[in-house]
Amino acid sequence: MTKKTIWIFSLILFFSTILVACNDEEKDMNEMPEEDDMAILEVDLQVPDSVEVNETLEMKAVVTYGDEMVSDADEVEYEVWEEGQQEDSYRIEATNHGDGTYTAETSFEQDGIFHIQVHVTARDLHTMPKQEVTVGEGGEYPDEEDQDSTDEHHDESGHSHSEEASEGFTMEFTELDPVQVMEEINLTVQLKMDNKSLTNAKVQYEIWNDTISDKHEWIPAEEKNPGEYHATHQFSDPGEYNIQVHVENDEGLHEHETYELEVK
């Protein structure tokens, strides 16, 4: 075999290898799942709309991840409070039936409007749907504007109501001016416990707009400085969005606060 023949054969082998590699790469890219097809954590909260005073209220949550029934959730708890009194809420740990359903029971000693919210953590995600229950004859409560005025009077500093729920805990979210569609924004929250930076917490931003979709986006935050947690996000549609900051740690802290953001 001549040197020329060897050289030509080497070139053919070289280009054949490149072609095979490119084809494999294209195949892998084509087989990658679309982001919209990725599974999400969903919870179907099943609670009666009304119940009588002292009657047992049965609460049921059906937890799924894509098409999979989640039988091994890390945490499922029901939070219960009367209208306008979330700071006095109580929690009930759910019973896991091993088939993706989680149940609990409670009862109420008086008429009123109560809220049931289930907190579910599974597959490194967290979601917390809520439902309203009328007990007996229900009740009359201040409208939202009156309630907001009362809240502002009690807390003009802008700190989270979580400061009342967990003694010594404060949450300061960096408020954002109206942002533009597809503009990348920085979400930042500063957490403290007893006036010291709260480190090593698990912080997630939950974002939703009920007029656009019933789905909630969950964005994990990164602690870039002691007690300071950051994440980035882009909005694909204009509107009024809710941003709820969720905070947990190994000592049992579990707090959240909701803020509003306008996207133009």
Protein backbone atom coordinates (compact mmCIF):
# COMPACT_ATOMS: atom_id res chain seq x y z
CA MET A 1 0.00 0.00 0.00
CA THR A 2 1.48 3.37 -1.05
CA LYS A 3 1.79 6.37 1.21
CA LYS A 4 -0.79 8.19 -0.93
CA THR A 5 -3.29 5.36 -0.47
CA ILE A 6 -2.72 5.33 3.30
CA TRP A 7 -3.20 9.11 3.45
CA ILE A 8 -6.51 8.96 1.51
CA PHE A 9 -7.75 6.08 3.67
CA SER A 10 -6.92 8.05 6.84
CA LEU A 11 -8.90 11.07 5.59
CA ILE A 12 -11.92 8.92 4.80
CA LEU A 13 -11.79 7.33 8.27
CA PHE A 14 -11.41 10.75 9.92
CA PHE A 15 -14.40 12.31 8.18
CA SER A 16 -16.51 9.18 8.73
CA THR A 17 -15.85 9.43 12.47
CA ILE A 18 -16.90 13.09 12.54
CA LEU A 19 -20.08 12.34 10.57
CA VAL A 20 -21.09 9.53 12.96
CA ALA A 21 -20.44 11.77 15.99
CA CYS A 22 -22.55 14.59 14.53
CA ASN A 23 -25.40 12.20 13.76
CA ASP A 24 -25.30 10.83 17.31
CA GLU A 25 -25.32 14.34 18.76
CA GLU A 26 -28.28 15.35 16.59
CA LYS A 27 -30.12 12.19 17.64
CA ASP A 28 -29.50 12.92 21.33
CA MET A 29 -30.76 16.49 20.92
CA ASN A 30 -33.89 15.28 19.12
CA GLU A 31 -34.56 12.79 21.90
CA MET A 32 -34.28 15.40 24.65
CA PRO A 33 -37.71 16.10 26.21
CA GLU A 34 -39.28 19.48 25.65
CA GLU A 35 -39.43 21.63 28.77
CA ASP A 36 -43.23 21.75 28.53
CA ASP A 37 -43.29 17.91 28.65
CA MET A 38 -41.37 17.74 31.92
CA ALA A 39 -43.35 16.36 34.85
CA ILE A 40 -44.66 18.72 37.50
CA LEU A 41 -45.83 18.14 41.05
CA GLU A 42 -49.60 18.51 41.32
CA VAL A 43 -51.95 18.18 44.29
CA ASP A 44 -55.71 17.69 44.10
CA LEU A 45 -57.04 19.01 47.42
CA GLN A 46 -60.43 17.48 48.20
CA VAL A 47 -62.32 19.25 51.00
CA PRO A 48 -66.09 19.84 51.37
CA ASP A 49 -67.26 23.40 50.74
CA SER A 50 -69.21 23.45 54.00
CA VAL A 51 -69.48 21.60 57.29
CA GLU A 52 -71.52 21.95 60.48
CA VAL A 53 -70.11 23.10 63.81
CA ASN A 54 -68.37 20.19 65.62
CA GLU A 55 -68.80 17.96 62.56
CA THR A 56 -65.68 16.06 61.46
CA LEU A 57 -64.13 17.57 58.35
CA GLU A 58 -62.27 15.05 56.21
CA MET A 59 -59.35 16.44 54.18
CA LYS A 60 -57.75 14.52 51.31
CA ALA A 61 -54.85 15.34 49.01
CA VAL A 62 -54.06 13.31 45.90
CA VAL A 63 -50.41 13.86 44.95
CA THR A 64 -49.08 13.18 41.46
CA TYR A 65 -45.83 13.81 39.61
CA GLY A 66 -46.62 13.68 35.93
CA ASP A 67 -48.52 10.40 35.49
CA GLU A 68 -47.01 8.93 38.67
CA MET A 69 -48.89 8.69 41.97
CA VAL A 70 -46.53 9.95 44.67
CA SER A 71 -46.66 7.50 47.58
CA ASP A 72 -43.46 8.71 49.26
CA ALA A 73 -43.85 12.49 49.70
CA ASP A 74 -41.28 14.03 52.04
CA GLU A 75 -43.91 16.12 53.83
CA VAL A 76 -47.68 16.55 53.73
CA GLU A 77 -49.26 18.84 56.32
CA TYR A 78 -52.61 20.60 56.50
CA GLU A 79 -52.69 24.18 57.75
CA VAL A 80 -56.01 25.50 59.07
CA TRP A 81 -57.03 29.03 60.02
CA GLU A 82 -60.05 31.29 60.30
CA GLU A 83 -60.56 34.10 57.81
CA GLY A 84 -58.18 36.99 58.61
CA GLN A 85 -56.34 35.06 61.34
CA GLN A 86 -53.64 33.10 59.53
CA GLU A 87 -51.12 34.10 62.21
CA ASP A 88 -53.10 31.83 64.58
CA SER A 89 -53.19 28.83 62.21
CA TYR A 90 -52.53 25.28 63.33
CA ARG A 91 -51.09 22.33 61.42
CA ILE A 92 -52.03 18.67 61.17
CA GLU A 93 -49.69 16.00 59.83
CA ALA A 94 -51.36 13.91 57.14
CA THR A 95 -51.68 10.13 57.11
CA ASN A 96 -49.95 8.53 54.11
CA HIS A 97 -52.05 5.70 52.67
CA GLY A 98 -49.26 4.54 50.38
CA ASP A 99 -51.22 5.09 47.17
CA GLY A 100 -50.64 8.79 46.55
CA THR A 101 -53.42 9.92 48.91
CA TYR A 102 -52.85 11.76 52.18
CA THR A 103 -55.66 12.44 54.64
CA ALA A 104 -56.37 14.19 57.92
CA GLU A 105 -59.38 15.29 59.97
CA THR A 106 -60.36 18.33 61.98
CA SER A 107 -63.48 20.02 63.37
CA PHE A 108 -64.60 23.54 64.30
CA GLU A 109 -66.26 24.75 67.47
CA GLN A 110 -67.88 27.86 65.98
CA ASP A 111 -69.46 29.31 62.86
CA GLY A 112 -67.11 31.03 60.45
CA ILE A 113 -65.13 30.96 57.24
CA PHE A 114 -62.01 28.82 57.46
CA HIS A 115 -59.13 28.09 55.10
CA ILE A 116 -57.53 24.70 54.51
CA GLN A 117 -54.09 24.70 52.90
CA VAL A 118 -52.08 21.55 52.30
CA HIS A 119 -48.28 21.83 52.21
CA VAL A 120 -46.72 19.11 50.06
CA THR A 121 -43.00 18.53 49.52
CA ALA A 122 -41.94 15.79 47.09
CA ARG A 123 -39.41 15.26 44.30
CA ASP A 124 -37.51 18.35 45.55
CA LEU A 125 -40.59 20.47 44.80
CA HIS A 126 -43.14 22.17 47.03
CA THR A 127 -46.75 23.13 46.37
CA MET A 128 -49.54 24.30 48.65
CA PRO A 129 -53.09 24.53 47.23
CA LYS A 130 -55.78 26.10 49.38
CA GLN A 131 -59.55 25.81 49.76
CA GLU A 132 -62.20 27.74 51.70
CA VAL A 133 -64.73 26.03 53.99
CA THR A 134 -67.91 27.53 55.45
CA VAL A 135 -68.63 26.31 58.97
CA GLY A 136 -72.23 26.47 60.17
CA GLU A 137 -73.75 29.85 59.34
CA GLY A 138 -70.42 31.28 58.22
CA GLY A 139 -69.44 34.74 59.41
CA GLU A 140 -68.88 38.38 58.53
CA TYR A 141 -65.34 39.67 58.15
CA PRO A 142 -63.68 42.95 57.10
CA ASP A 143 -63.24 43.26 53.35
CA GLU A 144 -59.74 43.00 51.88
CA GLU A 145 -59.13 46.76 51.83
CA ASP A 146 -59.96 47.08 55.53
CA GLN A 147 -57.80 44.06 56.29
CA ASP A 148 -54.90 45.46 54.25
CA SER A 149 -55.15 48.76 56.11
CA THR A 150 -55.04 46.91 59.41
CA ASP A 151 -52.00 44.90 58.30
CA GLU A 152 -50.17 48.05 57.20
CA HIS A 153 -50.94 49.72 60.52
CA HIS A 154 -49.47 46.79 62.44
CA ASP A 155 -46.42 46.40 60.18
CA GLU A 156 -45.32 49.54 58.39
CA SER A 157 -41.76 48.24 58.00
CA GLY A 158 -42.79 45.83 55.24
CA HIS A 159 -41.51 42.75 57.09
CA SER A 160 -43.23 39.45 56.55
CA HIS A 161 -46.11 38.39 58.75
CA SER A 162 -43.85 35.41 59.42
CA GLU A 163 -42.10 37.60 61.97
CA GLU A 164 -45.18 37.12 64.14
CA ALA A 165 -45.49 33.41 63.40
CA SER A 166 -41.88 32.52 64.32
CA GLU A 167 -40.38 34.68 67.04
CA GLY A 168 -37.18 36.38 65.96
CA PHE A 169 -37.62 35.59 62.24
CA THR A 170 -37.68 38.37 59.64
CA MET A 171 -37.93 38.31 55.85
CA GLU A 172 -37.03 41.29 53.66
CA PHE A 173 -37.83 40.84 49.98
CA THR A 174 -36.30 43.32 47.55
CA GLU A 175 -39.34 44.93 45.96
CA LEU A 176 -39.24 45.27 42.17
CA ASP A 177 -40.51 48.03 39.92
CA PRO A 178 -42.74 46.97 37.02
CA VAL A 179 -40.67 44.80 34.68
CA GLN A 180 -40.89 44.07 30.96
CA VAL A 181 -41.85 40.78 29.32
CA MET A 182 -38.77 38.54 28.81
CA GLU A 183 -36.62 40.83 30.95
CA GLU A 184 -34.40 38.78 33.25
CA ILE A 185 -35.00 39.88 36.84
CA ASN A 186 -33.19 39.12 40.08
CA LEU A 187 -35.25 37.85 42.99
CA THR A 188 -33.55 38.56 46.32
CA VAL A 189 -34.63 37.99 49.90
CA GLN A 190 -32.72 38.63 53.12
CA LEU A 191 -33.51 36.32 56.04
CA LYS A 192 -32.64 36.85 59.69
CA MET A 193 -33.22 35.02 62.94
CA ASP A 194 -32.72 37.00 66.15
CA ASN A 195 -31.10 39.79 64.11
CA LYS A 196 -28.51 37.39 62.69
CA SER A 197 -28.34 36.17 59.10
CA LEU A 198 -30.28 32.94 58.66
CA THR A 199 -27.97 30.63 56.71
CA ASN A 200 -28.40 27.19 55.12
CA ALA A 201 -32.15 27.61 54.65
CA LYS A 202 -34.13 26.08 51.79
CA VAL A 203 -35.70 28.98 49.91
CA GLN A 204 -38.00 28.74 46.90
CA TYR A 205 -39.91 31.36 44.92
CA GLU A 206 -43.42 30.34 43.87
CA ILE A 207 -44.76 32.43 40.97
CA TRP A 208 -48.23 32.44 39.46
CA ASN A 209 -50.89 34.47 37.67
CA ASP A 210 -54.39 33.04 38.09
CA THR A 211 -55.76 34.92 35.08
CA ILE A 212 -53.22 33.28 32.74
CA SER A 213 -52.83 29.76 34.11
CA ASP A 214 -53.61 27.62 37.14
CA LYS A 215 -50.04 26.31 37.15
CA HIS A 216 -47.45 27.62 39.60
CA GLU A 217 -43.74 27.90 38.83
CA TRP A 218 -41.22 26.95 41.52
CA ILE A 219 -37.72 28.44 41.43
CA PRO A 220 -35.07 27.33 43.96
CA ALA A 221 -32.91 30.12 45.36
CA GLU A 222 -29.16 30.08 45.95
CA GLU A 223 -27.52 31.56 49.05
CA LYS A 224 -24.84 33.83 47.58
CA ASN A 225 -24.14 35.76 50.78
CA PRO A 226 -24.92 34.76 54.39
CA GLY A 227 -28.71 34.95 54.76
CA GLU A 228 -29.19 36.37 51.24
CA TYR A 229 -30.95 34.16 48.71
CA HIS A 230 -31.04 34.85 44.96
CA ALA A 231 -32.77 33.51 41.86
CA THR A 232 -33.46 34.80 38.35
CA HIS A 233 -36.62 34.62 36.26
CA GLN A 234 -38.22 35.82 33.04
CA PHE A 235 -41.93 36.40 32.44
CA SER A 236 -43.32 35.41 29.05
CA ASP A 237 -46.66 37.24 29.44
CA PRO A 238 -47.71 40.62 30.87
CA GLY A 239 -49.99 40.84 33.89
CA GLU A 240 -50.17 40.98 37.68
CA TYR A 241 -48.14 38.17 39.24
CA ASN A 242 -47.87 36.80 42.76
CA ILE A 243 -44.45 35.89 44.12
CA GLN A 244 -44.52 33.82 47.29
CA VAL A 245 -41.25 33.28 49.15
CA HIS A 246 -41.06 29.90 50.94
CA VAL A 247 -38.48 29.38 53.69
CA GLU A 248 -37.65 26.13 55.48
CA ASN A 249 -34.74 24.77 57.49
CA ASP A 250 -33.71 21.69 59.46
CA GLU A 251 -34.89 23.24 62.73
CA GLY A 252 -38.53 23.10 61.65
CA LEU A 253 -38.89 26.65 60.35
CA HIS A 254 -41.54 26.90 57.64
CA GLU A 255 -42.57 30.40 56.65
CA HIS A 256 -43.86 32.17 53.56
CA GLU A 257 -44.84 35.63 52.42
CA THR A 258 -46.53 36.81 49.20
CA TYR A 259 -45.67 39.88 47.11
CA GLU A 260 -47.12 41.30 43.90
CA LEU A 261 -45.31 42.26 40.71
CA GLU A 262 -46.54 43.99 37.57
CA VAL A 263 -45.17 42.77 34.24
CA LYS A 264 -45.72 45.03 31.22
